[in-house]
Amino acid sequence: MPQRFGRPGLLGAMARTAVVAGTATAVSGRVERNAARRDMERQAQAGARQQPPPDPGAAPAAPPADRVSQLTALAELRDRGVLTDEEFAAEKRRILGG
Protein backbone atom coordinates (compact mmCIF):
# COMPACT_ATOMS: atom_id res chain seq x y z
CA MET A 1 0.00 0.00 0.00
CA PRO A 2 1.50 3.38 -0.92
CA GLN A 3 2.16 5.84 1.87
CA ARG A 4 0.25 9.09 1.88
CA PHE A 5 2.03 12.35 2.56
CA GLY A 6 0.40 15.61 3.41
CA ARG A 7 -2.98 15.81 5.09
CA PRO A 8 -4.15 12.85 7.17
CA GLY A 9 -7.04 10.77 5.99
CA LEU A 10 -10.50 10.92 7.49
CA LEU A 11 -9.73 8.32 10.17
CA GLY A 12 -6.50 10.08 11.16
CA ALA A 13 -8.24 13.43 11.42
CA MET A 14 -11.03 11.93 13.52
CA ALA A 15 -8.52 10.23 15.82
CA ARG A 16 -6.54 13.44 16.28
CA THR A 17 -9.72 15.40 17.02
CA ALA A 18 -10.81 12.79 19.58
CA VAL A 19 -7.44 12.95 21.34
CA VAL A 20 -7.44 16.75 21.45
CA ALA A 21 -11.04 16.90 22.69
CA GLY A 22 -10.44 14.22 25.31
CA THR A 23 -7.34 15.96 26.60
CA ALA A 24 -9.13 19.31 26.75
CA THR A 25 -12.02 17.75 28.66
CA ALA A 26 -9.70 16.07 31.14
CA VAL A 27 -7.73 19.26 31.75
CA SER A 28 -10.88 21.35 32.07
CA GLY A 29 -12.36 18.94 34.61
CA ARG A 30 -9.16 18.96 36.64
CA VAL A 31 -9.04 22.76 36.65
CA GLU A 32 -12.69 22.93 37.75
CA ARG A 33 -12.13 20.41 40.58
CA ASN A 34 -9.06 22.29 41.81
CA ALA A 35 -10.90 25.63 41.70
CA ALA A 36 -13.86 24.20 43.64
CA ARG A 37 -11.54 22.72 46.26
CA ARG A 38 -9.67 26.03 46.64
CA ASP A 39 -12.98 27.91 46.98
CA MET A 40 -14.16 25.51 49.68
CA GLU A 41 -10.84 25.89 51.54
CA ARG A 42 -11.05 29.69 51.35
CA GLN A 43 -14.63 29.65 52.63
CA ALA A 44 -13.66 27.34 55.47
CA GLN A 45 -10.71 29.56 56.42
CA ALA A 46 -12.84 32.70 56.25
CA GLY A 47 -15.52 31.05 58.39
CA ALA A 48 -12.95 29.91 60.94
CA ARG A 49 -11.52 33.42 61.24
CA GLN A 50 -14.92 35.06 61.73
CA GLN A 51 -16.16 32.77 64.48
CA PRO A 52 -15.14 33.78 68.03
CA PRO A 53 -13.59 31.06 70.18
CA PRO A 54 -16.18 29.07 72.16
CA ASP A 55 -16.67 29.90 75.83
CA PRO A 56 -15.23 26.97 77.82
CA GLY A 57 -17.93 27.31 80.50
CA ALA A 58 -20.82 27.28 78.04
CA ALA A 59 -22.82 24.17 77.21
CA PRO A 60 -22.19 22.69 73.74
CA ALA A 61 -24.49 24.18 71.15
CA ALA A 62 -26.79 22.14 68.93
CA PRO A 63 -25.35 21.46 65.46
CA PRO A 64 -26.14 24.40 63.19
CA ALA A 65 -28.46 23.94 60.24
CA ASP A 66 -25.62 25.29 58.11
CA ARG A 67 -23.93 21.88 58.30
CA VAL A 68 -26.83 20.31 56.44
CA SER A 69 -26.55 22.80 53.59
CA GLN A 70 -22.76 22.33 53.47
CA LEU A 71 -23.13 18.55 53.32
CA THR A 72 -25.80 18.86 50.62
CA ALA A 73 -23.56 21.11 48.52
CA LEU A 74 -20.65 18.74 49.09
CA ALA A 75 -22.72 15.75 47.93
CA GLU A 76 -23.76 17.65 44.80
CA LEU A 77 -20.11 18.37 43.97
CA ARG A 78 -19.28 14.69 44.42
CA ASP A 79 -22.22 13.59 42.27
CA ARG A 80 -21.15 15.96 39.47
CA GLY A 81 -17.63 14.53 39.58
CA VAL A 82 -15.97 17.68 40.89
CA LEU A 83 -14.82 15.92 44.09
CA THR A 84 -13.39 12.46 44.46
CA ASP A 85 -14.74 10.13 47.14
CA GLU A 86 -11.62 10.76 49.24
CA GLU A 87 -12.02 14.54 49.01
CA PHE A 88 -15.71 14.18 49.87
CA ALA A 89 -14.95 12.06 52.94
CA ALA A 90 -12.27 14.49 54.17
CA GLU A 91 -14.54 17.53 53.81
CA LYS A 92 -17.42 15.66 55.44
CA ARG A 93 -15.22 14.85 58.45
CA ARG A 94 -14.15 18.49 58.65
CA ILE A 95 -17.75 19.75 58.52
CA LEU A 96 -18.93 17.29 61.14
CA GLY A 97 -15.98 18.15 63.37
CA GLY A 98 -14.45 14.71 63.42
C-alpha atoms as a PDB file:
ATOM      1  CA  MET A   1       0.000   0.000   0.000  1.00  0.00           C
ATOM      2  CA  PRO A   2       1.497   3.379  -0.918  1.00  0.00           C
ATOM      3  CA  GLN A   3       2.156   5.845   1.874  1.00  0.00           C
ATOM      4  CA  ARG A   4       0.251   9.094   1.877  1.00  0.00           C
ATOM      5  CA  PHE A   5       2.033  12.348   2.557  1.00  0.00           C
ATOM      6  CA  GLY A   6       0.397  15.614   3.408  1.00  0.00           C
ATOM      7  CA  ARG A   7      -2.981  15.813   5.093  1.00  0.00           C
ATOM      8  CA  PRO A   8      -4.150  12.846   7.166  1.00  0.00           C
ATOM      9  CA  GLY A   9      -7.035  10.771   5.990  1.00  0.00           C
ATOM     10  CA  LEU A  10     -10.497  10.924   7.489  1.00  0.00           C
ATOM     11  CA  LEU A  11      -9.728   8.323  10.167  1.00  0.00           C
ATOM     12  CA  GLY A  12      -6.499  10.075  11.162  1.00  0.00           C
ATOM     13  CA  ALA A  13      -8.242  13.429  11.416  1.00  0.00           C
ATOM     14  CA  MET A  14     -11.026  11.934  13.523  1.00  0.00           C
ATOM     15  CA  ALA A  15      -8.521  10.229  15.824  1.00  0.00           C
ATOM     16  CA  ARG A  16      -6.544  13.436  16.281  1.00  0.00           C
ATOM     17  CA  THR A  17      -9.721  15.397  17.015  1.00  0.00           C
ATOM     18  CA  ALA A  18     -10.810  12.794  19.583  1.00  0.00           C
ATOM     19  CA  VAL A  19      -7.439  12.948  21.345  1.00  0.00           C
ATOM     20  CA  VAL A  20      -7.437  16.746  21.450  1.00  0.00           C
ATOM     21  CA  ALA A  21     -11.037  16.899  22.690  1.00  0.00           C
ATOM     22  CA  GLY A  22     -10.444  14.223  25.314  1.00  0.00           C
ATOM     23  CA  THR A  23      -7.339  15.959  26.597  1.00  0.00           C
ATOM     24  CA  ALA A  24      -9.128  19.307  26.746  1.00  0.00           C
ATOM     25  CA  THR A  25     -12.022  17.748  28.658  1.00  0.00           C
ATOM     26  CA  ALA A  26      -9.698  16.071  31.144  1.00  0.00           C
ATOM     27  CA  VAL A  27      -7.726  19.264  31.749  1.00  0.00           C
ATOM     28  CA  SER A  28     -10.878  21.346  32.069  1.00  0.00           C
ATOM     29  CA  GLY A  29     -12.356  18.944  34.612  1.00  0.00           C
ATOM     30  CA  ARG A  30      -9.164  18.957  36.642  1.00  0.00           C
ATOM     31  CA  VAL A  31      -9.040  22.758  36.649  1.00  0.00           C
ATOM     32  CA  GLU A  32     -12.686  22.925  37.751  1.00  0.00           C
ATOM     33  CA  ARG A  33     -12.131  20.412  40.583  1.00  0.00           C
ATOM     34  CA  ASN A  34      -9.062  22.294  41.815  1.00  0.00           C
ATOM     35  CA  ALA A  35     -10.901  25.629  41.703  1.00  0.00           C
ATOM     36  CA  ALA A  36     -13.862  24.196  43.637  1.00  0.00           C
ATOM     37  CA  ARG A  37     -11.539  22.722  46.262  1.00  0.00           C
ATOM     38  CA  ARG A  38      -9.675  26.032  46.638  1.00  0.00           C
ATOM     39  CA  ASP A  39     -12.978  27.911  46.982  1.00  0.00           C
ATOM     40  CA  MET A  40     -14.157  25.511  49.683  1.00  0.00           C
ATOM     41  CA  GLU A  41     -10.844  25.894  51.542  1.00  0.00           C
ATOM     42  CA  ARG A  42     -11.046  29.692  51.355  1.00  0.00           C
ATOM     43  CA  GLN A  43     -14.633  29.650  52.626  1.00  0.00           C
ATOM     44  CA  ALA A  44     -13.657  27.336  55.471  1.00  0.00           C
ATOM     45  CA  GLN A  45     -10.708  29.557  56.422  1.00  0.00           C
ATOM     46  CA  ALA A  46     -12.842  32.700  56.254  1.00  0.00           C
ATOM     47  CA  GLY A  47     -15.516  31.045  58.393  1.00  0.00           C
ATOM     48  CA  ALA A  48     -12.954  29.906  60.936  1.00  0.00           C
ATOM     49  CA  ARG A  49     -11.523  33.419  61.241  1.00  0.00           C
ATOM     50  CA  GLN A  50     -14.919  35.062  61.727  1.00  0.00           C
ATOM     51  CA  GLN A  51     -16.157  32.772  64.480  1.00  0.00           C
ATOM     52  CA  PRO A  52     -15.141  33.775  68.025  1.00  0.00           C
ATOM     53  CA  PRO A  53     -13.586  31.062  70.177  1.00  0.00           C
ATOM     54  CA  PRO A  54     -16.179  29.073  72.161  1.00  0.00           C
ATOM     55  CA  ASP A  55     -16.672  29.900  75.830  1.00  0.00           C
ATOM     56  CA  PRO A  56     -15.228  26.969  77.821  1.00  0.00           C
ATOM     57  CA  GLY A  57     -17.927  27.306  80.497  1.00  0.00           C
ATOM     58  CA  ALA A  58     -20.817  27.281  78.040  1.00  0.00           C
ATOM     59  CA  ALA A  59     -22.820  24.175  77.209  1.00  0.00           C
ATOM     60  CA  PRO A  60     -22.185  22.691  73.743  1.00  0.00           C
ATOM     61  CA  ALA A  61     -24.493  24.175  71.150  1.00  0.00           C
ATOM     62  CA  ALA A  62     -26.787  22.136  68.935  1.00  0.00           C
ATOM     63  CA  PRO A  63     -25.354  21.460  65.463  1.00  0.00           C
ATOM     64  CA  PRO A  64     -26.142  24.398  63.190  1.00  0.00           C
ATOM     65  CA  ALA A  65     -28.457  23.935  60.243  1.00  0.00           C
ATOM     66  CA  ASP A  66     -25.624  25.288  58.106  1.00  0.00           C
ATOM     67  CA  ARG A  67     -23.928  21.881  58.300  1.00  0.00           C
ATOM     68  CA  VAL A  68     -26.830  20.306  56.437  1.00  0.00           C
ATOM     69  CA  SER A  69     -26.548  22.798  53.594  1.00  0.00           C
ATOM     70  CA  GLN A  70     -22.763  22.331  53.473  1.00  0.00           C
ATOM     71  CA  LEU A  71     -23.134  18.548  53.315  1.00  0.00           C
ATOM     72  CA  THR A  72     -25.804  18.863  50.622  1.00  0.00           C
ATOM     73  CA  ALA A  73     -23.563  21.114  48.520  1.00  0.00           C
ATOM     74  CA  LEU A  74     -20.651  18.740  49.085  1.00  0.00           C
ATOM     75  CA  ALA A  75     -22.722  15.750  47.929  1.00  0.00           C
ATOM     76  CA  GLU A  76     -23.758  17.650  44.800  1.00  0.00           C
ATOM     77  CA  LEU A  77     -20.107  18.371  43.967  1.00  0.00           C
ATOM     78  CA  ARG A  78     -19.278  14.690  44.425  1.00  0.00           C
ATOM     79  CA  ASP A  79     -22.220  13.590  42.266  1.00  0.00           C
ATOM     80  CA  ARG A  80     -21.151  15.959  39.471  1.00  0.00           C
ATOM     81  CA  GLY A  81     -17.633  14.528  39.585  1.00  0.00           C
ATOM     82  CA  VAL A  82     -15.966  17.676  40.890  1.00  0.00           C
ATOM     83  CA  LEU A  83     -14.817  15.921  44.089  1.00  0.00           C
ATOM     84  CA  THR A  84     -13.391  12.456  44.464  1.00  0.00           C
ATOM     85  CA  ASP A  85     -14.736  10.126  47.139  1.00  0.00           C
ATOM     86  CA  GLU A  86     -11.616  10.759  49.241  1.00  0.00           C
ATOM     87  CA  GLU A  87     -12.020  14.541  49.010  1.00  0.00           C
ATOM     88  CA  PHE A  88     -15.714  14.180  49.868  1.00  0.00           C
ATOM     89  CA  ALA A  89     -14.945  12.063  52.939  1.00  0.00           C
ATOM     90  CA  ALA A  90     -12.267  14.490  54.172  1.00  0.00           C
ATOM     91  CA  GLU A  91     -14.536  17.529  53.809  1.00  0.00           C
ATOM     92  CA  LYS A  92     -17.423  15.661  55.441  1.00  0.00           C
ATOM     93  CA  ARG A  93     -15.220  14.851  58.452  1.00  0.00           C
ATOM     94  CA  ARG A  94     -14.147  18.492  58.650  1.00  0.00           C
ATOM     95  CA  ILE A  95     -17.750  19.750  58.523  1.00  0.00           C
ATOM     96  CA  LEU A  96     -18.932  17.286  61.144  1.00  0.00           C
ATOM     97  CA  GLY A  97     -15.982  18.149  63.370  1.00  0.00           C
ATOM     98  CA  GLY A  98     -14.454  14.707  63.424  1.00  0.00           C
END
